[in-house]
């Protein structure tokens, strides 16, 4: 008990200042503070300070209801003043406001027979958890898993308790129906047949999609009833995976035997009026099977040879040539080509050698019997020409022989080509096609030093190059190789034109550059 004036003998009969409030307070709750302060005579005035530091949160109500702004421990002070004498008494108590947990969880639905997972996202993690899975079962772990006895929809409740402050969240979860995969092969025998498969898969409720894996070089299908032409023979583990609209899967694998068929193919030489055409049968042998061959040349003649040669006897024009191969295992195949018997030119050309950046002439020496002819040149550097005798410029950084090809085409006739390697030589030019010049008083009173430089700014000569230095009005010098610097004592101060000509020693290819140089005193 505190007295404002102890000199006065005034008995206020003030027993005490007492506050009652709930022992459990959660964040966001409105708290009633019961004022049990008593005075034996007179009246009292009150002032409450809830410890928030905000003036507006103070009140003079006898028994206020207050909602604290957040979770923590507050110093709540009640000051009681007697009326009429003004004696003041106060009481301070710690009031703890507990946070309400933010209940949350992530769910992963599952298919029939699989486990659903529940990942707790509640904050803080120290809250006590209780899971109710909607089928009468519960759990108290932080995270939870559940496998329901049958497919369906369930409501899962998570209750988070933090020191008596409870939050609840409810979500719907699903144990989805699972399909049953089944299929039959209804048609197909050889690896070049179209195999047909009947899908007999089922599901209790909902829709399903199909995914076929034919065990054949990664080939798949999403058709309901699949059709497939196998590229290889043998036993195939054909797999059908059926998936419900909610991602539930089942699969079935069957061994399907595919007999090997002949993989018929052939190549042929030019079909021209002068030379017979060689037909090469490139059909591979099939193990444990005997093959029979039948060629049809499209001109009324046939052959049973494996790889025949056929003379067209001047019978020009389009021909459909076919090869049919039949095996004694019941499999067969046929391939046809639309070919044309034509006349044919003989391409030929000559050319010399040149320096990089210089023109080189190609002389066309092609011969042909008749008809209008056209050309296409491939110069081996990505460029082409359709001129008869083209002129070409190569730009290279080092000497090389391009592969030059001349294609000749007769309108309404055959085409042919010739490629020459190690024939046309393109010589590189010097790589040091620039120079630097600087004053050199150690050489003379008007001394100057010049030295070659490459495109990257590296100073120094090239070991397979010669250099001619022309100093305007001051003579000419020659240097060679890597030690190619030249020195000159100019007649006087002034501006001089200096020219450098670099020449490759072996090929004679050259480049030149000149610069104005001022000899400053």
Protein backbone atom coordinates (compact mmCIF):
# COMPACT_ATOMS: atom_id res chain seq x y z
CA UNK A 1 0.00 0.00 0.00
CA UNK A 2 1.35 3.39 -1.07
CA UNK A 3 0.24 6.69 0.55
CA UNK A 4 0.47 10.08 -1.05
CA UNK A 5 0.63 11.89 2.30
CA UNK A 6 1.60 9.86 5.30
CA UNK A 7 1.32 12.89 7.53
CA UNK A 8 -2.40 12.64 7.53
CA UNK A 9 -3.94 9.98 9.66
CA UNK A 10 -6.54 8.94 7.27
CA UNK A 11 -7.64 5.37 7.37
CA UNK A 12 -8.77 4.49 3.85
CA UNK A 13 -9.33 0.86 4.79
CA UNK A 14 -7.78 -0.01 1.33
CA UNK A 15 -7.31 -3.72 1.37
CA UNK A 16 -5.45 -4.39 -1.90
CA UNK A 17 -5.41 -4.03 -5.71
CA UNK A 18 -6.13 -7.36 -7.35
CA UNK A 19 -6.49 -8.32 -11.08
CA UNK A 20 -8.11 -11.46 -12.37
CA UNK A 21 -7.65 -12.60 -16.01
CA UNK A 22 -7.69 -15.96 -17.85
CA UNK A 23 -4.66 -18.17 -17.31
CA UNK A 24 -4.71 -19.16 -21.00
CA UNK A 25 -4.79 -16.33 -23.54
CA UNK A 26 -4.42 -16.93 -27.28
CA UNK A 27 -3.48 -14.38 -29.88
CA UNK A 28 -6.50 -12.49 -31.22
CA UNK A 29 -8.73 -13.18 -28.18
CA UNK A 30 -10.52 -10.37 -26.35
CA UNK A 31 -9.42 -10.59 -22.67
CA UNK A 32 -11.63 -9.51 -19.78
CA UNK A 33 -9.67 -8.06 -16.85
CA UNK A 34 -11.64 -8.38 -13.61
CA UNK A 35 -10.84 -5.65 -11.11
CA UNK A 36 -10.99 -6.95 -7.52
CA UNK A 37 -9.58 -3.80 -5.93
CA UNK A 38 -11.39 -2.74 -2.71
CA UNK A 39 -11.49 0.29 -0.48
CA UNK A 40 -13.38 0.32 2.82
CA UNK A 41 -14.64 3.87 2.46
CA UNK A 42 -15.01 6.33 -0.36
CA UNK A 43 -14.64 5.48 -4.03
CA UNK A 44 -11.87 4.68 -6.51
CA UNK A 45 -10.69 5.73 -9.95
CA UNK A 46 -8.68 3.37 -12.20
CA UNK A 47 -6.16 3.54 -15.00
CA UNK A 48 -5.04 0.48 -17.02
CA UNK A 49 -1.79 0.33 -18.97
CA UNK A 50 -1.60 -2.89 -21.03
CA UNK A 51 2.13 -2.63 -21.71
CA UNK A 52 1.90 -2.08 -25.46
CA UNK A 53 3.61 1.31 -25.39
CA UNK A 54 0.66 2.79 -27.28
CA UNK A 55 -1.10 5.64 -25.48
CA UNK A 56 -4.40 4.84 -27.16
CA UNK A 57 -4.35 1.37 -25.57
CA UNK A 58 -4.66 2.86 -22.03
CA UNK A 59 -8.13 3.04 -20.42
CA UNK A 60 -9.82 4.16 -17.21
CA UNK A 61 -12.60 1.57 -17.44
CA UNK A 62 -12.98 -0.40 -14.19
CA UNK A 63 -13.03 -3.81 -15.89
CA UNK A 64 -11.84 -3.43 -19.48
CA UNK A 65 -11.89 -5.94 -22.34
CA UNK A 66 -8.65 -5.71 -24.34
CA UNK A 67 -7.25 -7.50 -27.39
CA UNK A 68 -3.46 -7.55 -27.43
CA UNK A 69 -1.78 -6.74 -30.77
CA UNK A 70 0.39 -9.85 -30.88
CA UNK A 71 1.77 -12.83 -29.03
CA UNK A 72 4.30 -12.11 -26.28
CA UNK A 73 4.40 -11.30 -22.53
CA UNK A 74 3.05 -7.86 -21.60
CA UNK A 75 3.49 -5.87 -18.35
CA UNK A 76 -0.10 -4.96 -17.43
CA UNK A 77 -0.41 -2.26 -14.75
CA UNK A 78 -3.55 -1.26 -12.85
CA UNK A 79 -3.37 2.05 -10.94
CA UNK A 80 -6.17 2.67 -8.40
CA UNK A 81 -6.70 6.08 -6.86
CA UNK A 82 -8.99 6.70 -3.88
CA UNK A 83 -11.73 9.27 -4.06
CA UNK A 84 -11.83 11.84 -2.65
CA UNK A 85 -8.33 11.79 -1.15
CA UNK A 86 -6.34 10.75 -4.18
CA UNK A 87 -4.19 8.02 -2.67
CA UNK A 88 -2.74 5.93 -5.52
CA UNK A 89 -2.00 2.20 -5.50
CA UNK A 90 -0.78 0.10 -8.42
CA UNK A 91 -0.31 -3.54 -9.32
CA UNK A 92 1.73 -4.91 -12.28
CA UNK A 93 1.39 -8.42 -13.56
CA UNK A 94 2.90 -10.34 -16.48
CA UNK A 95 0.25 -11.33 -19.02
CA UNK A 96 1.40 -13.86 -21.62
CA UNK A 97 -0.42 -13.98 -24.97
CA UNK A 98 0.29 -17.26 -26.70
CA UNK A 99 0.45 -17.50 -30.49
CA UNK A 100 -2.11 -19.55 -32.37
CA UNK A 101 -0.32 -21.93 -34.69
CA UNK A 102 -0.87 -21.60 -38.44
CA UNK A 103 -2.11 -25.07 -39.23
CA UNK A 104 -1.35 -26.26 -42.76
CA UNK A 105 -0.29 -29.39 -44.57
CA UNK A 106 0.49 -30.56 -48.07
CA UNK A 107 -1.06 -33.73 -49.36
CA UNK A 108 -0.16 -36.27 -51.98
CA UNK A 109 -3.10 -38.33 -53.19
CA UNK A 110 -2.43 -41.93 -54.12
CA UNK A 111 -3.82 -44.74 -56.14
CA UNK A 112 -5.57 -47.76 -54.71
CA UNK A 113 -3.08 -49.90 -52.77
CA UNK A 114 -0.57 -47.04 -52.42
CA UNK A 115 0.19 -44.73 -49.51
CA UNK A 116 -1.00 -41.12 -49.26
CA UNK A 117 1.51 -38.75 -47.70
CA UNK A 118 0.79 -35.70 -45.57
CA UNK A 119 3.57 -33.16 -45.07
CA UNK A 120 3.04 -30.85 -42.10
CA UNK A 121 3.49 -27.16 -42.92
CA UNK A 122 2.29 -25.89 -39.53
CA UNK A 123 4.13 -22.93 -37.99
CA UNK A 124 5.56 -23.19 -35.41
CA UNK A 125 6.67 -26.82 -35.57
CA UNK A 126 6.56 -27.16 -31.77
CA UNK A 127 2.76 -27.44 -31.75
CA UNK A 128 1.26 -30.79 -30.81
CA UNK A 129 -0.36 -32.45 -33.80
CA UNK A 130 -3.40 -34.66 -34.19
CA UNK A 131 -4.44 -36.14 -37.52
CA UNK A 132 -7.94 -37.45 -38.21
CA UNK A 133 -8.08 -39.34 -41.50
CA UNK A 134 -11.85 -39.39 -42.05
CA UNK A 135 -12.21 -43.14 -41.62
CA UNK A 136 -12.10 -43.27 -37.83
CA UNK A 137 -8.29 -43.54 -37.57
CA UNK A 138 -5.93 -40.90 -36.12
CA UNK A 139 -2.24 -40.18 -35.65
CA UNK A 140 -0.15 -37.77 -33.56
CA UNK A 141 3.06 -37.69 -35.59
CA UNK A 142 4.41 -34.51 -37.19
CA UNK A 143 3.97 -35.85 -40.74
CA UNK A 144 1.68 -38.72 -41.59
CA UNK A 145 0.99 -41.43 -44.12
CA UNK A 146 -2.20 -43.33 -44.79
CA UNK A 147 -3.32 -46.20 -46.98
CA UNK A 148 -7.12 -46.44 -47.15
CA UNK A 149 -8.78 -49.82 -47.39
CA UNK A 150 -10.81 -48.78 -50.44
CA UNK A 151 -10.85 -46.07 -53.07
CA UNK A 152 -12.82 -42.92 -52.42
CA UNK A 153 -12.84 -39.37 -51.10
CA UNK A 154 -11.90 -38.65 -47.47
CA UNK A 155 -11.69 -35.54 -45.27
CA UNK A 156 -8.41 -35.26 -43.37
CA UNK A 157 -8.24 -32.92 -40.37
CA UNK A 158 -5.03 -31.62 -38.80
CA UNK A 159 -5.37 -30.10 -35.33
CA UNK A 160 -2.36 -28.12 -34.06
CA UNK A 161 -2.21 -27.30 -30.31
CA UNK A 162 0.34 -24.75 -29.06
CA UNK A 163 0.08 -24.33 -25.28
CA UNK A 164 -3.68 -24.66 -25.48
CA UNK A 165 -4.08 -22.45 -28.52
CA UNK A 166 -5.56 -24.67 -31.22
CA UNK A 167 -5.84 -24.29 -34.99
CA UNK A 168 -7.53 -26.74 -37.35
CA UNK A 169 -7.31 -27.27 -41.11
CA UNK A 170 -9.36 -29.72 -43.20
CA UNK A 171 -8.59 -30.98 -46.71
CA UNK A 172 -10.19 -33.50 -49.02
CA UNK A 173 -7.95 -36.34 -50.15
CA UNK A 174 -8.44 -39.17 -52.61
CA UNK A 175 -7.54 -42.83 -52.84
CA UNK A 176 -8.06 -43.24 -56.58
CA UNK A 177 -9.35 -46.29 -58.44
CA UNK A 178 -6.63 -48.34 -60.15
CA UNK A 179 -7.12 -49.77 -63.67
CA UNK A 180 -6.41 -53.38 -64.70
CA UNK A 181 -4.33 -53.78 -67.88
CA UNK A 182 -5.06 -56.56 -70.43
CA UNK A 183 -4.59 -57.04 -74.20
CA UNK A 184 -4.44 -59.66 -76.99
CA UNK A 185 -2.63 -59.84 -80.34
CA UNK A 186 -5.22 -60.29 -83.10
CA UNK A 187 -3.10 -60.07 -86.26
CA UNK A 188 0.53 -60.17 -87.45
CA UNK A 189 3.24 -62.74 -88.28
CA UNK A 190 6.37 -61.21 -89.91
CA UNK A 191 8.34 -58.15 -88.96
CA UNK A 192 7.00 -56.29 -92.00
CA UNK A 193 3.38 -57.13 -91.21
CA UNK A 194 1.13 -54.64 -89.45
CA UNK A 195 0.45 -56.20 -86.02
CA UNK A 196 -2.90 -55.43 -84.43
CA UNK A 197 -3.53 -55.47 -80.65
CA UNK A 198 -6.90 -55.43 -78.89
CA UNK A 199 -6.99 -53.51 -75.60
CA UNK A 200 -9.08 -55.29 -72.95
CA UNK A 201 -8.14 -53.10 -69.97
CA UNK A 202 -10.79 -52.11 -67.40
CA UNK A 203 -11.34 -49.70 -64.50
CA UNK A 204 -14.11 -49.54 -61.89
CA UNK A 205 -14.83 -45.84 -62.42
CA UNK A 206 -13.41 -43.12 -64.63
CA UNK A 207 -11.43 -43.04 -67.85
CA UNK A 208 -8.11 -44.61 -68.79
CA UNK A 209 -5.44 -43.86 -71.36
CA UNK A 210 -3.11 -46.38 -72.98
CA UNK A 211 0.65 -46.41 -73.60
CA UNK A 212 2.19 -49.20 -75.66
CA UNK A 213 5.91 -50.06 -75.68
CA UNK A 214 6.69 -52.48 -78.50
CA UNK A 215 10.25 -53.31 -77.36
CA UNK A 216 11.42 -52.25 -80.81
CA UNK A 217 13.98 -49.44 -80.89
CA UNK A 218 11.97 -47.31 -78.48
CA UNK A 219 8.77 -47.32 -80.54
CA UNK A 220 5.60 -46.48 -78.58
CA UNK A 221 1.94 -45.69 -79.18
CA UNK A 222 -0.91 -44.04 -77.27
CA UNK A 223 -3.72 -45.55 -79.35
CA UNK A 224 -6.43 -47.51 -77.55
CA UNK A 225 -6.13 -50.51 -79.88
CA UNK A 226 -2.63 -50.29 -81.28
CA UNK A 227 -1.33 -51.20 -84.73
CA UNK A 228 2.41 -51.55 -85.28
CA UNK A 229 4.89 -52.66 -87.95
CA UNK A 230 7.96 -54.14 -86.20
CA UNK A 231 11.35 -53.18 -87.62
CA UNK A 232 13.19 -56.23 -86.23
CA UNK A 233 12.29 -59.84 -85.67
CA UNK A 234 12.50 -62.06 -82.60
CA UNK A 235 10.66 -62.26 -79.29
CA UNK A 236 9.36 -58.85 -78.23
CA UNK A 237 8.23 -57.98 -74.72
CA UNK A 238 5.23 -55.89 -75.69
CA UNK A 239 4.06 -53.82 -72.74
CA UNK A 240 0.75 -52.04 -72.25
CA UNK A 241 0.55 -49.40 -69.51
CA UNK A 242 -2.92 -48.04 -68.74
CA UNK A 243 -3.29 -44.84 -66.74
CA UNK A 244 -6.41 -43.44 -65.13
CA UNK A 245 -7.35 -39.77 -65.37
CA UNK A 246 -5.81 -39.38 -61.89
CA UNK A 247 -2.50 -41.02 -62.80
CA UNK A 248 -3.12 -44.52 -61.42
CA UNK A 249 -1.36 -47.16 -63.51
CA UNK A 250 -1.28 -50.85 -64.24
CA UNK A 251 0.70 -52.74 -66.86
CA UNK A 252 0.79 -56.03 -68.71
CA UNK A 253 3.65 -57.60 -70.68
CA UNK A 254 3.28 -60.32 -73.31
CA UNK A 255 5.96 -62.04 -75.35
CA UNK A 256 5.16 -61.60 -79.05
CA UNK A 257 7.16 -63.66 -81.58
CA UNK A 258 7.95 -61.91 -84.87
CA UNK A 259 9.37 -63.88 -87.78
CA UNK A 260 12.15 -62.23 -89.72
CA UNK A 261 11.24 -61.04 -93.19
CA UNK A 262 13.73 -60.14 -95.92
CA UNK A 263 14.78 -56.49 -95.83
CA UNK A 264 14.81 -56.03 -99.57
CA UNK A 265 17.07 -53.35 -100.98
CA UNK A 266 19.27 -52.86 -103.98
CA UNK A 267 21.57 -50.32 -105.50
CA UNK A 268 22.31 -49.66 -109.12
CA UNK A 269 24.80 -47.91 -111.32
CA UNK A 270 23.87 -45.20 -113.83
CA UNK A 271 20.98 -45.98 -116.15
CA UNK A 272 22.49 -44.68 -119.36
CA UNK A 273 22.23 -45.64 -123.00
CA UNK A 274 25.89 -46.69 -123.40
CA UNK A 275 26.81 -48.80 -120.39
CA UNK A 276 24.83 -51.74 -118.93
CA UNK A 277 23.44 -51.10 -115.47
CA UNK A 278 24.78 -53.19 -112.60
CA UNK A 279 22.11 -54.01 -110.00
CA UNK A 280 23.52 -54.98 -106.60
CA UNK A 281 21.18 -56.95 -104.33
CA UNK A 282 21.86 -55.62 -100.81
CA UNK A 283 19.15 -57.70 -99.14
CA UNK A 284 20.59 -59.31 -96.02
CA UNK A 285 20.48 -63.06 -95.46
CA UNK A 286 17.93 -64.40 -92.99
CA UNK A 287 19.20 -67.14 -90.68
CA UNK A 288 17.71 -70.60 -91.29
CA UNK A 289 15.72 -69.37 -94.31
CA UNK A 290 16.16 -69.90 -98.08
CA UNK A 291 15.54 -66.92 -100.38
CA UNK A 292 14.19 -66.77 -103.93
CA UNK A 293 14.67 -63.63 -106.07
CA UNK A 294 12.64 -62.11 -108.90
CA UNK A 295 13.71 -58.94 -110.74
CA UNK A 296 11.36 -57.02 -113.02
CA UNK A 297 13.18 -54.31 -115.03
CA UNK A 298 10.05 -52.60 -116.28
CA UNK A 299 10.91 -53.18 -119.94
CA UNK A 300 9.31 -56.61 -120.32
CA UNK A 301 12.34 -58.55 -119.06
CA UNK A 302 12.94 -60.32 -115.71
CA UNK A 303 15.74 -62.17 -113.92
CA UNK A 304 16.08 -64.71 -111.10
CA UNK A 305 19.73 -63.85 -110.41
CA UNK A 306 20.70 -62.42 -107.08
CA UNK A 307 22.56 -59.39 -108.53
CA UNK A 308 22.06 -59.10 -112.30
CA UNK A 309 23.52 -56.72 -114.89
CA UNK A 310 21.02 -55.35 -117.41
CA UNK A 311 21.59 -53.90 -120.88
CA UNK A 312 18.84 -51.48 -121.84
CA UNK A 313 19.64 -51.90 -125.57
CA UNK A 314 18.83 -48.27 -126.28
CA UNK A 315 15.43 -48.54 -124.66
CA UNK A 316 15.43 -45.07 -123.05
CA UNK A 317 12.87 -43.50 -120.75
CA UNK A 318 11.30 -44.20 -117.36
CA UNK A 319 11.44 -47.72 -115.92
CA UNK A 320 9.95 -49.17 -112.72
CA UNK A 321 12.48 -51.72 -111.49
CA UNK A 322 11.37 -54.05 -108.68
CA UNK A 323 12.97 -56.82 -106.63
CA UNK A 324 10.84 -59.34 -104.73
CA UNK A 325 12.41 -61.71 -102.19
CA UNK A 326 10.43 -64.65 -100.82
CA UNK A 327 11.62 -66.78 -97.85
CA UNK A 328 10.64 -70.35 -97.09
CA UNK A 329 9.45 -69.22 -93.61
CA UNK A 330 6.45 -67.56 -95.25
CA UNK A 331 7.75 -63.97 -95.11
CA UNK A 332 8.42 -61.84 -98.18
CA UNK A 333 9.12 -58.28 -99.20
CA UNK A 334 9.33 -56.23 -102.38
CA UNK A 335 10.91 -52.90 -103.22
CA UNK A 336 10.49 -50.83 -106.38
CA UNK A 337 12.35 -47.86 -107.79
CA UNK A 338 11.28 -45.45 -110.50
CA UNK A 339 14.37 -45.06 -112.70
CA UNK A 340 15.08 -43.41 -116.04
CA UNK A 341 17.47 -44.56 -118.75
CA UNK A 342 19.33 -41.47 -120.06
CA UNK A 343 22.38 -40.30 -122.00
CA UNK A 344 25.48 -39.29 -120.02
CA UNK A 345 28.24 -36.59 -120.23
CA UNK A 346 31.92 -36.99 -119.26
CA UNK A 347 32.96 -34.12 -116.94
CA UNK A 348 36.57 -32.85 -116.99
CA UNK A 349 38.35 -29.62 -116.03
CA UNK A 350 41.78 -28.06 -115.49
CA UNK A 351 43.03 -25.29 -113.20
CA UNK A 352 46.33 -23.92 -111.98
CA UNK A 353 47.29 -22.55 -108.60
CA UNK A 354 46.77 -19.14 -107.02
CA UNK A 355 47.47 -17.06 -103.97
CA UNK A 356 44.87 -16.44 -101.34
CA UNK A 357 42.71 -13.53 -102.45
CA UNK A 358 43.73 -13.82 -106.13
CA UNK A 359 41.57 -15.09 -108.96
CA UNK A 360 41.99 -18.64 -110.28
CA UNK A 361 40.41 -19.73 -113.56
CA UNK A 362 38.74 -23.12 -113.99
CA UNK A 363 38.72 -24.47 -117.57
CA UNK A 364 35.80 -26.79 -118.37
CA UNK A 365 36.78 -29.70 -120.69
CA UNK A 366 33.54 -31.70 -120.39
CA UNK A 367 32.47 -33.74 -123.44
CA UNK A 368 29.02 -35.10 -124.39
CA UNK A 369 27.31 -36.54 -127.41
CA UNK A 370 24.23 -34.36 -127.69
CA UNK A 371 21.73 -32.28 -125.78
CA UNK A 372 21.75 -29.09 -123.76
CA UNK A 373 24.21 -29.26 -120.86
CA UNK A 374 24.42 -27.35 -117.58
CA UNK A 375 27.01 -27.26 -114.82
CA UNK A 376 27.39 -26.79 -111.13
CA UNK A 377 30.76 -26.29 -109.47
CA UNK A 378 31.41 -27.02 -105.82
CA UNK A 379 34.65 -25.29 -104.86
CA UNK A 380 35.06 -27.14 -101.57
CA UNK A 381 34.68 -24.06 -99.39
CA UNK A 382 30.89 -23.82 -99.29
CA UNK A 383 30.62 -21.74 -102.47
CA UNK A 384 29.28 -22.86 -105.86
CA UNK A 385 28.89 -21.64 -109.42
CA UNK A 386 26.83 -22.55 -112.47
CA UNK A 387 29.17 -20.92 -114.99
CA UNK A 388 30.84 -23.09 -117.60
CA UNK A 389 34.35 -21.71 -116.92
CA UNK A 390 34.18 -19.85 -113.62
CA UNK A 391 36.75 -17.61 -111.97
CA UNK A 392 37.09 -18.13 -108.22
CA UNK A 393 38.83 -16.29 -105.35
CA UNK A 394 39.84 -18.28 -102.24
CA UNK A 395 40.66 -16.54 -98.99
CA UNK A 396 42.69 -18.82 -96.73
CA UNK A 397 45.02 -18.48 -93.77
CA UNK A 398 47.24 -21.36 -94.80
CA UNK A 399 47.97 -23.21 -98.03
CA UNK A 400 45.67 -26.11 -98.93
CA UNK A 401 44.14 -28.15 -101.75
CA UNK A 402 40.35 -27.72 -101.90
CA UNK A 403 38.25 -30.63 -103.14
CA UNK A 404 36.73 -29.22 -106.32
CA UNK A 405 33.78 -31.01 -107.92
CA UNK A 406 32.27 -30.36 -111.33
CA UNK A 407 28.74 -31.64 -111.91
CA UNK A 408 27.52 -31.88 -115.53
CA UNK A 409 23.85 -32.37 -116.38
CA UNK A 410 22.31 -32.97 -119.80
CA UNK A 411 18.78 -31.70 -120.11
CA UNK A 412 16.67 -34.82 -120.58
CA UNK A 413 19.79 -36.95 -120.09
CA UNK A 414 22.22 -38.30 -117.47
CA UNK A 415 24.30 -36.36 -115.03
CA UNK A 416 27.80 -37.10 -113.81
CA UNK A 417 30.52 -35.48 -111.76
CA UNK A 418 34.26 -35.40 -111.24
CA UNK A 419 36.08 -34.44 -108.04
CA UNK A 420 39.75 -33.52 -107.96
CA UNK A 421 41.79 -33.55 -104.77
CA UNK A 422 45.40 -32.42 -104.37
CA UNK A 423 45.03 -30.70 -107.72
CA UNK A 424 44.15 -27.04 -107.19
CA UNK A 425 46.67 -25.42 -104.83
CA UNK A 426 45.72 -22.26 -102.96
CA UNK A 427 48.82 -20.64 -101.43
CA UNK A 428 48.60 -18.58 -98.28
CA UNK A 429 49.68 -14.95 -98.21
CA UNK A 430 51.97 -13.61 -95.52
CA UNK A 431 50.35 -13.37 -92.12
CA UNK A 432 52.45 -10.32 -91.21
CA UNK A 433 50.83 -7.73 -93.47
CA UNK A 434 51.26 -4.75 -91.19
CA UNK A 435 54.18 -3.09 -89.41
CA UNK A 436 55.12 -0.72 -86.62
CA UNK A 437 57.56 2.17 -86.91
CA UNK A 438 59.29 3.95 -84.04
CA UNK A 439 62.13 6.42 -83.46
CA UNK A 440 65.50 4.72 -82.88
CA UNK A 441 68.21 7.26 -81.98
CA UNK A 442 70.64 4.45 -81.30
CA UNK A 443 70.82 3.88 -85.07
CA UNK A 444 71.21 7.50 -86.08
CA UNK A 445 70.32 11.08 -85.37
CA UNK A 446 67.21 10.63 -87.53
CA UNK A 447 66.97 6.90 -86.90
CA UNK A 448 63.83 4.84 -87.37
CA UNK A 449 63.10 1.16 -86.69
CA UNK A 450 60.38 -0.74 -88.57
CA UNK A 451 59.22 -4.28 -87.84
CA UNK A 452 56.45 -6.55 -89.29
CA UNK A 453 53.26 -7.16 -87.28
CA UNK A 454 50.39 -9.65 -87.73
CA UNK A 455 46.65 -8.97 -87.52
CA UNK A 456 46.64 -9.80 -83.80
CA UNK A 457 49.15 -7.08 -83.08
CA UNK A 458 52.06 -9.46 -82.46
CA UNK A 459 55.28 -7.83 -83.66
CA UNK A 460 57.89 -9.93 -85.47
CA UNK A 461 58.64 -11.39 -88.87
CA UNK A 462 57.49 -14.67 -90.39
CA UNK A 463 60.17 -17.34 -90.83
CA UNK A 464 59.12 -18.20 -94.41
CA UNK A 465 58.65 -14.64 -95.68
CA UNK A 466 60.82 -11.90 -97.24
CA UNK A 467 60.22 -8.21 -96.63
CA UNK A 468 61.01 -5.19 -98.84
CA UNK A 469 61.07 -1.84 -97.01
CA UNK A 470 60.78 1.32 -99.10
CA UNK A 471 61.60 4.55 -97.25
CA UNK A 472 60.34 7.50 -99.31
CA UNK A 473 63.45 9.48 -100.31
CA UNK A 474 65.66 7.35 -98.06
CA UNK A 475 66.27 4.10 -99.91
CA UNK A 476 65.11 0.49 -99.83
CA UNK A 477 66.03 -2.43 -97.56
CA UNK A 478 65.33 -6.16 -97.57
CA UNK A 479 64.86 -8.41 -94.52
CA UNK A 480 63.71 -12.01 -94.06
CA UNK A 481 62.38 -14.45 -91.49
CA UNK A 482 61.60 -13.82 -87.87
CA UNK A 483 64.41 -11.26 -87.43
CA UNK A 484 62.90 -8.95 -90.03
CA UNK A 485 63.32 -5.53 -88.40
CA UNK A 486 64.82 -2.84 -90.64
CA UNK A 487 66.68 0.32 -89.57
CA UNK A 488 67.28 3.56 -91.44
CA UNK A 489 68.75 6.97 -90.69
CA UNK A 490 66.47 9.40 -92.44
CA UNK A 491 67.87 12.54 -94.06
CA UNK A 492 66.11 14.94 -91.74
CA UNK A 493 63.10 15.47 -89.53
CA UNK A 494 59.82 15.36 -91.39
CA UNK A 495 57.08 13.10 -92.71
CA UNK A 496 57.96 10.02 -94.77
CA UNK A 497 55.90 7.43 -96.57
CA UNK A 498 57.13 3.95 -95.55
CA UNK A 499 55.99 0.91 -97.57
CA UNK A 500 56.41 -2.76 -96.56
CA UNK A 501 55.94 -5.59 -99.09
CA UNK A 502 55.84 -9.12 -97.58
CA UNK A 503 56.41 -12.09 -99.92
CA UNK A 504 56.14 -15.83 -99.16
CA UNK A 505 59.48 -17.42 -100.08
CA UNK A 506 58.04 -20.63 -101.56
CA UNK A 507 54.94 -19.44 -103.42
CA UNK A 508 55.70 -15.80 -104.09
CA UNK A 509 52.35 -14.72 -102.65
CA UNK A 510 52.63 -11.21 -101.25
CA UNK A 511 50.89 -8.35 -99.51
CA UNK A 512 51.88 -4.73 -98.96
CA UNK A 513 51.04 -1.82 -96.70
CA UNK A 514 52.25 1.77 -96.37
CA UNK A 515 52.05 4.29 -93.58
CA UNK A 516 52.99 7.94 -93.11
CA UNK A 517 55.72 8.26 -90.50
CA UNK A 518 56.73 11.55 -88.88
CA UNK A 519 60.29 11.75 -87.62
CA UNK A 520 60.01 14.16 -84.71
CA UNK A 521 63.14 15.81 -83.24
